Every structure is written in C-alpha cells, then in structure tokens.
Amino acid sequence: MIAREGMPFVLPTWFALLIAVGVYALFHAVAMVIAAVFLLALALFVTYFFRDPKRVPPSGDEFILSPGDGTVIVIEQIADDNGNRRTLVSIFLSVFNVHVNRIPVSGKVISAEHKPGKFLKAFERAAVTENERTEITIQASQGTVKFCQVAGIIARRIVCYLHNGDTVTRGERFGLIRFGSRIDLFLEPNVSVNVKVGDRVKGGESIIGSFKQNS
C-alpha cells in the first residue's frame, strides 16, 4: 500500500516515465533512454519511500508503541519546562525507513500543536528543541504520553491529522514526515523503557516502554 500523502509525488514520476518511454518509441532519441532510466529509478525510490505497510499492534494497554520506524539514537533523562523529570527517547528516520507515523497509546489527544523552527540535521541533539515540529500529548488510562514529529534538513513537511479532543487508538496512522526526520518521546517516571540506543523499531508494533504496574 502507498500512503495517500505520497500520491502527489508517486503519480507524476510514473507519468513522466511513461512520457519518456512514449517519446523514445516514436523518435528513438537516445536522450529519452537516459531520461527513462533516471525517471524509473526516481519512480521506484519515491514509491518505496511512501510505502505504508500494514501493522498489527501487540496486545496490552500498558505498552507504549513506537510512533515511527527508525533507529533509537537517544535515551536520556531530561527536565521539561516545569522542571518535571522525563525520559527522552529519540528515533531517527532515514530516507529508507517507512515514514508513516502511528499512535503510540490509546486515549484522548489533549494537545496537538505545530511549532515553527529551524531545519537542523535530524540526528543532532539541538533538533529536539530548535527544529520545526508538531508536539502531541495523549492522555491514556495510565498516564500521559508526549511525542513530537520533528523536521530535519531534508524533511521540511510534517503532516499531522490530530486535533485537540480526538479519541485515538494505538497503532492507527496519524500522519507522516517527508524525506528523513526524527520522532521524540517524552516519557513520565511511571514508564519503564523497553529499548536501548541502536535498536531498530517499527511504528505501531515495537514496544518503546510500558506503564509500571500500580503506578
């Protein structure tokens, strides 16, 4: 399946390829062969980038799932704006990862806010607070989970369909970041982290953390 957000990119590249092949068939122009090879490679890459595979979330409401595919690059303790301790878990999405984003926990969206910012490289530490991003907080039955879609030096288009008051289910798709990016999760003290730096995770399937029992 192809993500609907990618259709404005996927369809034109395949259409351009068909035109190049048609022109070559009519005029046998060598330039059209070169153009067709380039357009084929581009069409295959764009189609691959916007793939949207089916995901089946693991059972268990205590689990916090990864919002996206990628590699865990940061796990550290930080303080939020109010001085509360949080565990930051950062996931880097390369251009080869699936870029469809998914809901980490079931609950109610209590905040979904787009914040303008810079376009630093997504794997840089400063990108957490300085890059353009969408900050989302979901109130689950066992606590709140905040996570951010972060733009990068290449990814400059964040798509998010969530609004304040929305009721969401874990594993549902909610948006996409185009062409390389980052997702940050800010986990409360009542969450045990289940991943380590270097782990590869899948959106909607991999368990990032779990709410502690009796918390």
N, C-alpha and C. Protein backbone atom coordinates (compact mmCIF):
# COMPACT_ATOMS: atom_id res chain seq x y z
N MET A 1 0.84 -1.19 0.00
CA MET A 1 0.00 0.00 0.00
C MET A 1 0.88 1.25 0.00
N ILE A 2 0.42 2.29 -0.70
CA ILE A 2 1.13 3.56 -0.75
C ILE A 2 0.38 4.59 0.08
N ALA A 3 1.11 5.35 0.90
CA ALA A 3 0.48 6.39 1.71
C ALA A 3 -0.16 7.44 0.81
N ARG A 4 -1.36 7.86 1.15
CA ARG A 4 -2.07 8.81 0.31
C ARG A 4 -1.32 10.14 0.21
N GLU A 5 -0.55 10.48 1.25
CA GLU A 5 0.22 11.73 1.22
C GLU A 5 1.30 11.70 0.14
N GLY A 6 1.66 10.49 -0.31
CA GLY A 6 2.71 10.37 -1.30
C GLY A 6 2.23 10.39 -2.73
N MET A 7 0.92 10.29 -2.94
CA MET A 7 0.40 10.23 -4.31
C MET A 7 0.78 11.44 -5.17
N PRO A 8 0.82 12.66 -4.62
CA PRO A 8 1.25 13.80 -5.45
C PRO A 8 2.69 13.69 -5.93
N PHE A 9 3.48 12.80 -5.31
CA PHE A 9 4.85 12.58 -5.72
C PHE A 9 4.97 11.33 -6.58
N VAL A 10 4.26 10.28 -6.21
CA VAL A 10 4.38 9.00 -6.89
C VAL A 10 3.79 9.05 -8.30
N LEU A 11 2.57 9.52 -8.43
CA LEU A 11 1.90 9.51 -9.73
C LEU A 11 2.62 10.34 -10.80
N PRO A 12 3.07 11.57 -10.49
CA PRO A 12 3.77 12.35 -11.52
C PRO A 12 5.06 11.71 -12.01
N THR A 13 5.80 11.02 -11.13
CA THR A 13 7.06 10.42 -11.57
C THR A 13 6.80 9.25 -12.52
N TRP A 14 5.78 8.45 -12.22
CA TRP A 14 5.44 7.35 -13.13
C TRP A 14 4.86 7.88 -14.44
N PHE A 15 4.11 8.96 -14.38
CA PHE A 15 3.56 9.56 -15.60
C PHE A 15 4.69 10.11 -16.47
N ALA A 16 5.67 10.76 -15.85
CA ALA A 16 6.81 11.29 -16.60
C ALA A 16 7.60 10.15 -17.25
N LEU A 17 7.71 9.02 -16.56
CA LEU A 17 8.40 7.87 -17.13
C LEU A 17 7.66 7.36 -18.36
N LEU A 18 6.35 7.28 -18.28
CA LEU A 18 5.57 6.82 -19.44
C LEU A 18 5.75 7.75 -20.64
N ILE A 19 5.80 9.05 -20.37
CA ILE A 19 6.01 10.01 -21.46
C ILE A 19 7.38 9.79 -22.11
N ALA A 20 8.41 9.60 -21.28
CA ALA A 20 9.76 9.38 -21.81
C ALA A 20 9.81 8.12 -22.67
N VAL A 21 9.16 7.06 -22.21
CA VAL A 21 9.13 5.81 -22.98
C VAL A 21 8.37 6.01 -24.28
N GLY A 22 7.26 6.76 -24.23
CA GLY A 22 6.49 7.02 -25.43
C GLY A 22 7.24 7.83 -26.46
N VAL A 23 7.96 8.84 -25.98
CA VAL A 23 8.76 9.67 -26.90
C VAL A 23 9.85 8.84 -27.55
N TYR A 24 10.51 7.99 -26.77
CA TYR A 24 11.54 7.13 -27.36
C TYR A 24 10.95 6.20 -28.40
N ALA A 25 9.76 5.65 -28.13
CA ALA A 25 9.13 4.73 -29.08
C ALA A 25 8.83 5.43 -30.41
N LEU A 26 8.54 6.72 -30.35
CA LEU A 26 8.21 7.46 -31.56
C LEU A 26 9.44 7.95 -32.32
N PHE A 27 10.44 8.45 -31.57
CA PHE A 27 11.57 9.12 -32.22
C PHE A 27 12.91 8.42 -32.01
N HIS A 28 12.95 7.40 -31.16
CA HIS A 28 14.19 6.66 -30.89
C HIS A 28 15.34 7.58 -30.47
N ALA A 29 15.01 8.58 -29.68
CA ALA A 29 16.02 9.53 -29.22
C ALA A 29 16.81 8.92 -28.06
N VAL A 30 18.14 8.94 -28.19
CA VAL A 30 19.00 8.38 -27.15
C VAL A 30 18.79 9.10 -25.81
N ALA A 31 18.54 10.41 -25.89
CA ALA A 31 18.35 11.19 -24.67
C ALA A 31 17.16 10.66 -23.86
N MET A 32 16.17 10.13 -24.56
CA MET A 32 14.99 9.60 -23.87
C MET A 32 15.31 8.32 -23.11
N VAL A 33 16.29 7.56 -23.58
CA VAL A 33 16.70 6.36 -22.86
C VAL A 33 17.32 6.75 -21.52
N ILE A 34 18.19 7.76 -21.58
CA ILE A 34 18.82 8.24 -20.35
C ILE A 34 17.76 8.80 -19.40
N ALA A 35 16.83 9.58 -19.96
CA ALA A 35 15.76 10.16 -19.14
C ALA A 35 14.90 9.07 -18.53
N ALA A 36 14.59 8.03 -19.32
CA ALA A 36 13.73 6.95 -18.84
C ALA A 36 14.40 6.18 -17.70
N VAL A 37 15.70 5.94 -17.81
CA VAL A 37 16.43 5.22 -16.75
C VAL A 37 16.40 6.05 -15.46
N PHE A 38 16.66 7.34 -15.60
CA PHE A 38 16.64 8.23 -14.43
C PHE A 38 15.25 8.27 -13.80
N LEU A 39 14.22 8.42 -14.63
CA LEU A 39 12.85 8.51 -14.12
C LEU A 39 12.38 7.20 -13.49
N LEU A 40 12.84 6.07 -14.04
CA LEU A 40 12.49 4.78 -13.45
C LEU A 40 13.08 4.66 -12.05
N ALA A 41 14.35 5.04 -11.92
CA ALA A 41 14.99 4.98 -10.60
C ALA A 41 14.27 5.92 -9.63
N LEU A 42 13.92 7.11 -10.09
CA LEU A 42 13.23 8.07 -9.23
C LEU A 42 11.85 7.56 -8.84
N ALA A 43 11.12 7.00 -9.80
CA ALA A 43 9.77 6.50 -9.52
C ALA A 43 9.80 5.34 -8.52
N LEU A 44 10.77 4.45 -8.67
CA LEU A 44 10.89 3.32 -7.75
C LEU A 44 11.22 3.81 -6.34
N PHE A 45 12.13 4.80 -6.25
CA PHE A 45 12.50 5.31 -4.94
C PHE A 45 11.34 6.01 -4.25
N VAL A 46 10.63 6.88 -4.98
CA VAL A 46 9.52 7.62 -4.40
C VAL A 46 8.42 6.65 -3.96
N THR A 47 8.14 5.64 -4.78
CA THR A 47 7.13 4.65 -4.42
C THR A 47 7.54 3.88 -3.17
N TYR A 48 8.82 3.52 -3.11
CA TYR A 48 9.35 2.80 -1.94
C TYR A 48 9.28 3.68 -0.70
N PHE A 49 9.62 4.95 -0.84
CA PHE A 49 9.63 5.86 0.31
C PHE A 49 8.25 6.01 0.92
N PHE A 50 7.23 6.10 0.09
CA PHE A 50 5.87 6.34 0.58
C PHE A 50 5.09 5.06 0.83
N ARG A 51 5.76 3.95 0.98
CA ARG A 51 5.08 2.70 1.29
C ARG A 51 4.41 2.80 2.66
N ASP A 52 3.31 2.09 2.80
CA ASP A 52 2.52 2.14 4.03
C ASP A 52 2.12 0.71 4.40
N PRO A 53 3.05 -0.06 4.97
CA PRO A 53 2.76 -1.46 5.27
C PRO A 53 1.75 -1.60 6.41
N LYS A 54 1.02 -2.71 6.39
CA LYS A 54 0.07 -2.99 7.45
C LYS A 54 0.83 -3.35 8.72
N ARG A 55 0.35 -2.84 9.84
CA ARG A 55 0.98 -3.12 11.12
C ARG A 55 -0.07 -3.64 12.10
N VAL A 56 0.31 -4.62 12.91
CA VAL A 56 -0.58 -5.20 13.92
C VAL A 56 0.00 -4.92 15.30
N PRO A 57 -0.61 -4.04 16.09
CA PRO A 57 -0.09 -3.71 17.42
C PRO A 57 -0.16 -4.92 18.36
N PRO A 58 0.83 -5.07 19.24
CA PRO A 58 0.77 -6.14 20.25
C PRO A 58 -0.33 -5.84 21.26
N SER A 59 -0.91 -6.84 21.82
CA SER A 59 -1.95 -6.64 22.82
C SER A 59 -1.33 -6.17 24.14
N GLY A 60 -2.10 -5.36 24.89
CA GLY A 60 -1.61 -4.87 26.18
C GLY A 60 -1.66 -3.36 26.23
N ASP A 61 -2.64 -2.81 26.97
CA ASP A 61 -2.79 -1.36 27.06
C ASP A 61 -1.66 -0.70 27.83
N GLU A 62 -0.86 -1.49 28.54
CA GLU A 62 0.25 -0.90 29.30
C GLU A 62 1.43 -0.54 28.41
N PHE A 63 1.43 -1.03 27.17
CA PHE A 63 2.57 -0.81 26.28
C PHE A 63 2.45 0.53 25.54
N ILE A 64 3.58 1.21 25.40
CA ILE A 64 3.69 2.43 24.59
C ILE A 64 4.45 2.05 23.33
N LEU A 65 3.80 2.17 22.19
CA LEU A 65 4.37 1.73 20.93
C LEU A 65 5.17 2.83 20.25
N SER A 66 6.06 2.41 19.38
CA SER A 66 6.83 3.39 18.62
C SER A 66 5.93 4.14 17.66
N PRO A 67 6.03 5.46 17.60
CA PRO A 67 5.22 6.22 16.64
C PRO A 67 5.74 6.11 15.21
N GLY A 68 6.96 5.60 15.02
CA GLY A 68 7.50 5.52 13.68
C GLY A 68 8.61 4.48 13.56
N ASP A 69 9.01 4.22 12.32
CA ASP A 69 10.11 3.31 12.03
C ASP A 69 11.44 4.07 12.14
N GLY A 70 12.48 3.38 12.54
CA GLY A 70 13.78 4.02 12.59
C GLY A 70 14.70 3.38 13.60
N THR A 71 15.73 4.15 13.99
CA THR A 71 16.73 3.68 14.93
C THR A 71 16.74 4.56 16.17
N VAL A 72 16.76 3.95 17.33
CA VAL A 72 16.81 4.70 18.59
C VAL A 72 18.21 5.31 18.71
N ILE A 73 18.28 6.65 18.80
CA ILE A 73 19.58 7.32 18.86
C ILE A 73 19.85 8.00 20.20
N VAL A 74 18.81 8.22 20.99
CA VAL A 74 18.98 8.89 22.29
C VAL A 74 18.03 8.28 23.31
N ILE A 75 18.55 7.99 24.50
CA ILE A 75 17.73 7.69 25.68
C ILE A 75 18.40 8.41 26.84
N GLU A 76 17.74 9.42 27.38
CA GLU A 76 18.37 10.18 28.47
C GLU A 76 17.31 10.84 29.34
N GLN A 77 17.71 11.18 30.54
CA GLN A 77 16.83 11.86 31.47
C GLN A 77 16.92 13.37 31.25
N ILE A 78 15.77 14.02 31.17
CA ILE A 78 15.73 15.46 30.99
C ILE A 78 14.68 16.05 31.92
N ALA A 79 14.64 17.37 31.99
CA ALA A 79 13.61 18.08 32.74
C ALA A 79 12.78 18.88 31.75
N ASP A 80 11.44 18.85 31.90
CA ASP A 80 10.59 19.62 30.99
C ASP A 80 10.55 21.08 31.44
N ASP A 81 9.70 21.87 30.79
CA ASP A 81 9.64 23.31 31.08
C ASP A 81 9.22 23.61 32.51
N ASN A 82 8.54 22.65 33.13
CA ASN A 82 8.07 22.84 34.51
C ASN A 82 9.00 22.19 35.54
N GLY A 83 10.13 21.67 35.06
CA GLY A 83 11.08 21.05 35.97
C GLY A 83 10.80 19.60 36.27
N ASN A 84 9.79 19.01 35.64
CA ASN A 84 9.45 17.60 35.86
C ASN A 84 10.41 16.70 35.09
N ARG A 85 10.78 15.58 35.69
CA ARG A 85 11.70 14.65 35.05
C ARG A 85 10.97 13.82 33.99
N ARG A 86 11.63 13.65 32.87
CA ARG A 86 11.10 12.86 31.77
C ARG A 86 12.24 12.03 31.17
N THR A 87 11.88 10.92 30.54
CA THR A 87 12.86 10.15 29.77
C THR A 87 12.66 10.46 28.30
N LEU A 88 13.69 11.02 27.69
CA LEU A 88 13.64 11.32 26.25
C LEU A 88 14.11 10.10 25.47
N VAL A 89 13.26 9.63 24.57
CA VAL A 89 13.62 8.56 23.64
C VAL A 89 13.48 9.12 22.23
N SER A 90 14.59 9.18 21.50
CA SER A 90 14.59 9.76 20.15
C SER A 90 14.81 8.68 19.11
N ILE A 91 14.02 8.75 18.05
CA ILE A 91 14.09 7.78 16.95
C ILE A 91 14.43 8.54 15.67
N PHE A 92 15.50 8.13 15.01
CA PHE A 92 15.91 8.76 13.75
C PHE A 92 15.35 7.96 12.57
N LEU A 93 14.67 8.66 11.66
CA LEU A 93 14.10 8.05 10.47
C LEU A 93 14.95 8.46 9.27
N SER A 94 15.63 7.51 8.66
CA SER A 94 16.39 7.81 7.45
C SER A 94 15.44 7.78 6.25
N VAL A 95 15.95 8.15 5.09
CA VAL A 95 15.10 8.16 3.89
C VAL A 95 14.69 6.75 3.49
N PHE A 96 15.31 5.74 4.07
CA PHE A 96 14.98 4.35 3.73
C PHE A 96 13.95 3.74 4.67
N ASN A 97 13.57 4.47 5.72
CA ASN A 97 12.55 3.97 6.64
C ASN A 97 11.15 4.32 6.17
N VAL A 98 10.15 3.56 6.65
CA VAL A 98 8.75 3.93 6.46
C VAL A 98 8.52 5.23 7.22
N HIS A 99 7.85 6.18 6.58
CA HIS A 99 7.65 7.49 7.21
C HIS A 99 6.22 7.75 7.65
N VAL A 100 5.35 6.76 7.54
CA VAL A 100 4.01 6.87 8.09
C VAL A 100 4.12 6.78 9.62
N ASN A 101 3.47 7.69 10.32
CA ASN A 101 3.52 7.73 11.78
C ASN A 101 2.25 7.15 12.39
N ARG A 102 2.40 6.52 13.57
CA ARG A 102 1.28 5.81 14.19
C ARG A 102 1.13 6.19 15.67
N ILE A 103 -0.08 6.05 16.17
CA ILE A 103 -0.43 6.42 17.55
C ILE A 103 0.25 5.45 18.54
N PRO A 104 0.97 5.96 19.55
CA PRO A 104 1.65 5.06 20.49
C PRO A 104 0.77 4.49 21.59
N VAL A 105 -0.28 5.22 22.00
CA VAL A 105 -1.17 4.74 23.07
C VAL A 105 -2.61 5.16 22.76
N SER A 106 -3.54 4.37 23.22
CA SER A 106 -4.95 4.74 23.07
C SER A 106 -5.31 5.79 24.13
N GLY A 107 -6.19 6.70 23.75
CA GLY A 107 -6.61 7.72 24.70
C GLY A 107 -7.18 8.94 24.00
N LYS A 108 -7.04 10.09 24.64
CA LYS A 108 -7.59 11.34 24.13
C LYS A 108 -6.46 12.33 23.89
N VAL A 109 -6.49 12.98 22.74
CA VAL A 109 -5.49 14.00 22.42
C VAL A 109 -5.81 15.26 23.22
N ILE A 110 -4.91 15.63 24.13
CA ILE A 110 -5.14 16.83 24.93
C ILE A 110 -4.33 18.01 24.41
N SER A 111 -3.43 17.74 23.46
CA SER A 111 -2.68 18.82 22.84
C SER A 111 -2.08 18.33 21.53
N ALA A 112 -2.22 19.15 20.48
CA ALA A 112 -1.58 18.89 19.19
C ALA A 112 -1.24 20.24 18.60
N GLU A 113 0.04 20.59 18.67
CA GLU A 113 0.45 21.96 18.32
C GLU A 113 1.66 21.95 17.41
N HIS A 114 1.54 22.67 16.29
CA HIS A 114 2.67 22.82 15.37
C HIS A 114 3.52 24.00 15.81
N LYS A 115 4.84 23.79 15.87
CA LYS A 115 5.75 24.85 16.28
C LYS A 115 6.80 25.08 15.20
N PRO A 116 6.90 26.29 14.67
CA PRO A 116 7.92 26.59 13.67
C PRO A 116 9.31 26.55 14.29
N GLY A 117 10.33 26.36 13.47
CA GLY A 117 11.69 26.31 13.99
C GLY A 117 12.70 26.14 12.89
N LYS A 118 13.87 25.67 13.25
CA LYS A 118 14.97 25.50 12.31
C LYS A 118 14.86 24.16 11.59
N PHE A 119 15.80 23.91 10.68
CA PHE A 119 15.86 22.65 9.97
C PHE A 119 17.27 22.06 10.10
N LEU A 120 17.69 21.89 11.36
CA LEU A 120 18.98 21.26 11.62
C LEU A 120 18.91 19.78 11.24
N LYS A 121 20.07 19.14 11.10
CA LYS A 121 20.08 17.71 10.83
C LYS A 121 19.32 16.98 11.93
N ALA A 122 18.47 16.05 11.53
CA ALA A 122 17.53 15.43 12.48
C ALA A 122 18.24 14.67 13.59
N PHE A 123 19.46 14.18 13.35
CA PHE A 123 20.13 13.40 14.38
C PHE A 123 20.90 14.28 15.37
N GLU A 124 20.93 15.60 15.16
CA GLU A 124 21.61 16.49 16.09
C GLU A 124 20.78 16.67 17.36
N ARG A 125 21.43 16.77 18.51
CA ARG A 125 20.73 16.90 19.78
C ARG A 125 19.89 18.17 19.84
N ALA A 126 20.38 19.25 19.24
CA ALA A 126 19.66 20.52 19.29
C ALA A 126 18.34 20.48 18.54
N ALA A 127 18.17 19.49 17.65
CA ALA A 127 16.93 19.39 16.89
C ALA A 127 15.72 19.15 17.78
N VAL A 128 15.94 18.59 18.97
CA VAL A 128 14.84 18.29 19.89
C VAL A 128 14.05 19.55 20.23
N THR A 129 14.76 20.65 20.48
CA THR A 129 14.10 21.87 20.92
C THR A 129 14.08 22.98 19.88
N GLU A 130 14.95 22.90 18.86
CA GLU A 130 15.09 24.01 17.93
C GLU A 130 14.44 23.79 16.57
N ASN A 131 14.25 22.54 16.16
CA ASN A 131 13.70 22.29 14.83
C ASN A 131 12.18 22.49 14.77
N GLU A 132 11.67 22.71 13.57
CA GLU A 132 10.23 22.75 13.37
C GLU A 132 9.65 21.39 13.74
N ARG A 133 8.50 21.40 14.42
CA ARG A 133 7.96 20.15 14.92
C ARG A 133 6.47 20.27 15.23
N THR A 134 5.83 19.14 15.39
CA THR A 134 4.47 19.07 15.90
C THR A 134 4.51 18.32 17.22
N GLU A 135 4.07 18.96 18.29
CA GLU A 135 4.06 18.36 19.62
C GLU A 135 2.67 17.82 19.94
N ILE A 136 2.61 16.57 20.34
CA ILE A 136 1.33 15.89 20.59
C ILE A 136 1.37 15.26 21.98
N THR A 137 0.30 15.44 22.74
CA THR A 137 0.19 14.79 24.04
C THR A 137 -1.14 14.03 24.10
N ILE A 138 -1.06 12.76 24.48
CA ILE A 138 -2.23 11.90 24.59
C ILE A 138 -2.42 11.50 26.04
N GLN A 139 -3.64 11.65 26.53
CA GLN A 139 -4.00 11.18 27.86
C GLN A 139 -4.49 9.75 27.75
N ALA A 140 -3.68 8.81 28.24
CA ALA A 140 -4.06 7.40 28.25
C ALA A 140 -4.63 7.05 29.62
N SER A 141 -5.11 5.83 29.76
CA SER A 141 -5.73 5.43 31.03
C SER A 141 -4.74 5.39 32.18
N GLN A 142 -3.46 5.16 31.86
CA GLN A 142 -2.45 5.02 32.92
C GLN A 142 -1.48 6.20 33.01
N GLY A 143 -1.68 7.20 32.19
CA GLY A 143 -0.79 8.36 32.23
C GLY A 143 -0.80 9.09 30.91
N THR A 144 0.04 10.11 30.79
CA THR A 144 0.13 10.87 29.55
C THR A 144 1.40 10.51 28.80
N VAL A 145 1.33 10.62 27.49
CA VAL A 145 2.49 10.39 26.64
C VAL A 145 2.61 11.57 25.68
N LYS A 146 3.77 12.22 25.71
CA LYS A 146 4.04 13.31 24.78
C LYS A 146 5.04 12.83 23.75
N PHE A 147 4.81 13.18 22.49
CA PHE A 147 5.75 12.83 21.43
C PHE A 147 5.72 13.91 20.36
N CYS A 148 6.81 14.00 19.59
CA CYS A 148 6.95 15.07 18.61
C CYS A 148 7.40 14.53 17.26
N GLN A 149 6.75 15.00 16.21
CA GLN A 149 7.24 14.81 14.84
C GLN A 149 8.20 15.96 14.58
N VAL A 150 9.44 15.65 14.25
CA VAL A 150 10.47 16.69 14.10
C VAL A 150 10.97 16.72 12.66
N ALA A 151 10.97 17.90 12.07
CA ALA A 151 11.51 18.07 10.72
C ALA A 151 13.03 18.04 10.76
N GLY A 152 13.66 17.79 9.61
CA GLY A 152 15.12 17.75 9.53
C GLY A 152 15.62 18.61 8.39
N ILE A 153 16.88 18.43 8.04
CA ILE A 153 17.49 19.24 7.00
C ILE A 153 16.87 18.95 5.63
N ILE A 154 16.38 17.70 5.44
CA ILE A 154 15.72 17.33 4.18
C ILE A 154 14.21 17.32 4.37
N ALA A 155 13.76 16.77 5.50
CA ALA A 155 12.31 16.67 5.76
C ALA A 155 11.79 18.03 6.21
N ARG A 156 11.04 18.70 5.36
CA ARG A 156 10.53 20.03 5.69
C ARG A 156 9.01 20.08 5.59
N ARG A 157 8.40 18.93 5.64
CA ARG A 157 6.94 18.89 5.54
C ARG A 157 6.42 17.86 6.52
N ILE A 158 5.80 18.34 7.60
CA ILE A 158 5.20 17.48 8.60
C ILE A 158 3.70 17.42 8.36
N VAL A 159 3.16 16.22 8.28
CA VAL A 159 1.72 16.04 8.11
C VAL A 159 1.17 15.41 9.38
N CYS A 160 0.20 16.06 10.01
CA CYS A 160 -0.41 15.53 11.23
C CYS A 160 -1.91 15.81 11.16
N TYR A 161 -2.73 14.77 11.35
CA TYR A 161 -4.18 14.90 11.26
C TYR A 161 -4.86 15.00 12.62
N LEU A 162 -4.08 15.06 13.71
CA LEU A 162 -4.66 15.06 15.04
C LEU A 162 -5.08 16.47 15.47
N HIS A 163 -6.15 16.51 16.28
CA HIS A 163 -6.65 17.76 16.84
C HIS A 163 -6.99 17.55 18.32
N ASN A 164 -6.97 18.63 19.06
CA ASN A 164 -7.35 18.56 20.47
C ASN A 164 -8.73 17.93 20.62
N GLY A 165 -8.84 16.97 21.53
CA GLY A 165 -10.12 16.33 21.79
C GLY A 165 -10.35 15.04 21.02
N ASP A 166 -9.49 14.74 20.05
CA ASP A 166 -9.65 13.50 19.28
C ASP A 166 -9.45 12.28 20.19
N THR A 167 -10.27 11.26 19.96
CA THR A 167 -10.08 9.97 20.62
C THR A 167 -9.33 9.07 19.65
N VAL A 168 -8.21 8.48 20.10
CA VAL A 168 -7.33 7.73 19.20
C VAL A 168 -7.08 6.33 19.75
N THR A 169 -6.69 5.45 18.84
CA THR A 169 -6.39 4.06 19.19
C THR A 169 -4.97 3.72 18.79
N ARG A 170 -4.26 3.06 19.67
CA ARG A 170 -2.86 2.71 19.43
C ARG A 170 -2.70 1.95 18.12
N GLY A 171 -1.69 2.31 17.35
CA GLY A 171 -1.42 1.67 16.08
C GLY A 171 -2.03 2.36 14.89
N GLU A 172 -3.00 3.26 15.11
CA GLU A 172 -3.62 3.99 14.00
C GLU A 172 -2.60 4.95 13.38
N ARG A 173 -2.68 5.14 12.08
CA ARG A 173 -1.83 6.13 11.43
C ARG A 173 -2.38 7.52 11.71
N PHE A 174 -1.50 8.48 11.93
CA PHE A 174 -1.97 9.84 12.20
C PHE A 174 -1.24 10.90 11.38
N GLY A 175 -0.25 10.50 10.60
CA GLY A 175 0.47 11.49 9.82
C GLY A 175 1.71 10.91 9.18
N LEU A 176 2.60 11.82 8.75
CA LEU A 176 3.78 11.41 8.00
C LEU A 176 4.76 12.57 7.98
N ILE A 177 6.06 12.25 7.92
CA ILE A 177 7.09 13.26 7.73
C ILE A 177 7.85 12.89 6.46
N ARG A 178 8.03 13.85 5.57
CA ARG A 178 8.61 13.53 4.26
C ARG A 178 10.13 13.65 4.25
N PHE A 179 10.79 12.57 3.82
CA PHE A 179 12.20 12.54 3.43
C PHE A 179 13.19 12.75 4.57
N GLY A 180 13.18 11.86 5.55
CA GLY A 180 14.18 11.87 6.61
C GLY A 180 13.75 12.76 7.76
N SER A 181 13.79 12.25 8.98
CA SER A 181 13.24 13.03 10.08
C SER A 181 13.56 12.37 11.41
N ARG A 182 12.78 12.77 12.43
CA ARG A 182 13.02 12.30 13.79
C ARG A 182 11.71 12.33 14.56
N ILE A 183 11.57 11.39 15.51
CA ILE A 183 10.44 11.41 16.44
C ILE A 183 10.99 11.32 17.85
N ASP A 184 10.54 12.22 18.71
CA ASP A 184 10.95 12.24 20.11
C ASP A 184 9.78 11.88 21.01
N LEU A 185 10.01 11.02 21.99
CA LEU A 185 9.01 10.71 23.01
C LEU A 185 9.51 11.21 24.35
N PHE A 186 8.61 11.78 25.14
CA PHE A 186 8.94 12.27 26.47
C PHE A 186 8.09 11.47 27.47
N LEU A 187 8.73 10.51 28.11
CA LEU A 187 8.02 9.54 28.93
C LEU A 187 8.09 9.91 30.40
N GLU A 188 6.95 9.75 31.09
CA GLU A 188 6.85 10.09 32.50
C GLU A 188 7.59 9.06 33.36
N PRO A 189 7.86 9.40 34.65
CA PRO A 189 8.58 8.47 35.53
C PRO A 189 7.89 7.13 35.73
N ASN A 190 6.57 7.06 35.49
CA ASN A 190 5.86 5.79 35.68
C ASN A 190 5.94 4.88 34.46
N VAL A 191 6.91 5.15 33.59
CA VAL A 191 7.10 4.33 32.39
C VAL A 191 8.47 3.66 32.43
N SER A 192 8.50 2.36 32.19
CA SER A 192 9.75 1.62 32.05
C SER A 192 10.12 1.56 30.58
N VAL A 193 11.35 1.94 30.25
CA VAL A 193 11.80 1.95 28.85
C VAL A 193 12.23 0.55 28.45
N ASN A 194 11.74 0.09 27.30
CA ASN A 194 12.00 -1.28 26.85
C ASN A 194 13.00 -1.36 25.70
N VAL A 195 13.60 -0.23 25.32
CA VAL A 195 14.55 -0.24 24.20
C VAL A 195 15.88 0.33 24.66
N LYS A 196 16.89 0.18 23.80
CA LYS A 196 18.21 0.75 24.07
C LYS A 196 18.71 1.45 22.80
N VAL A 197 19.71 2.30 22.98
CA VAL A 197 20.27 3.01 21.83
C VAL A 197 20.80 2.01 20.81
N GLY A 198 20.46 2.25 19.55
CA GLY A 198 20.88 1.35 18.48
C GLY A 198 19.80 0.40 18.03
N ASP A 199 18.73 0.24 18.83
CA ASP A 199 17.64 -0.65 18.45
C ASP A 199 16.89 -0.09 17.24
N ARG A 200 16.50 -0.98 16.35
CA ARG A 200 15.65 -0.60 15.22
C ARG A 200 14.20 -0.90 15.61
N VAL A 201 13.32 0.04 15.37
CA VAL A 201 11.93 -0.10 15.80
C VAL A 201 10.98 0.11 14.62
N LYS A 202 9.77 -0.42 14.79
CA LYS A 202 8.73 -0.28 13.77
C LYS A 202 7.53 0.44 14.37
N GLY A 203 7.01 1.41 13.63
CA GLY A 203 5.85 2.16 14.10
C GLY A 203 4.63 1.28 14.24
N GLY A 204 3.95 1.40 15.39
CA GLY A 204 2.73 0.64 15.61
C GLY A 204 2.94 -0.78 16.04
N GLU A 205 4.19 -1.24 16.12
CA GLU A 205 4.47 -2.63 16.52
C GLU A 205 5.49 -2.73 17.65
N SER A 206 6.59 -2.01 17.55
CA SER A 206 7.65 -2.12 18.54
C SER A 206 7.25 -1.43 19.85
N ILE A 207 7.59 -2.05 20.96
CA ILE A 207 7.27 -1.51 22.28
C ILE A 207 8.42 -0.63 22.77
N ILE A 208 8.16 0.66 22.92
CA ILE A 208 9.16 1.59 23.40
C ILE A 208 9.26 1.55 24.92
N GLY A 209 8.12 1.43 25.57
CA GLY A 209 8.08 1.40 27.02
C GLY A 209 6.76 0.84 27.51
N SER A 210 6.64 0.73 28.81
CA SER A 210 5.40 0.22 29.39
C SER A 210 5.13 0.93 30.72
N PHE A 211 3.85 1.21 30.96
CA PHE A 211 3.48 1.81 32.23
C PHE A 211 3.73 0.81 33.35
N LYS A 212 4.32 1.30 34.43
CA LYS A 212 4.60 0.43 35.56
C LYS A 212 3.29 0.05 36.25
N GLN A 213 3.20 -1.16 36.73
CA GLN A 213 2.02 -1.63 37.42
C GLN A 213 1.84 -0.87 38.75
N ASN A 214 0.57 -0.59 39.06
CA ASN A 214 0.23 0.11 40.31
C ASN A 214 0.83 1.49 40.41
N SER A 215 1.05 2.13 39.22
CA SER A 215 1.63 3.48 39.24
C SER A 215 0.52 4.51 39.22
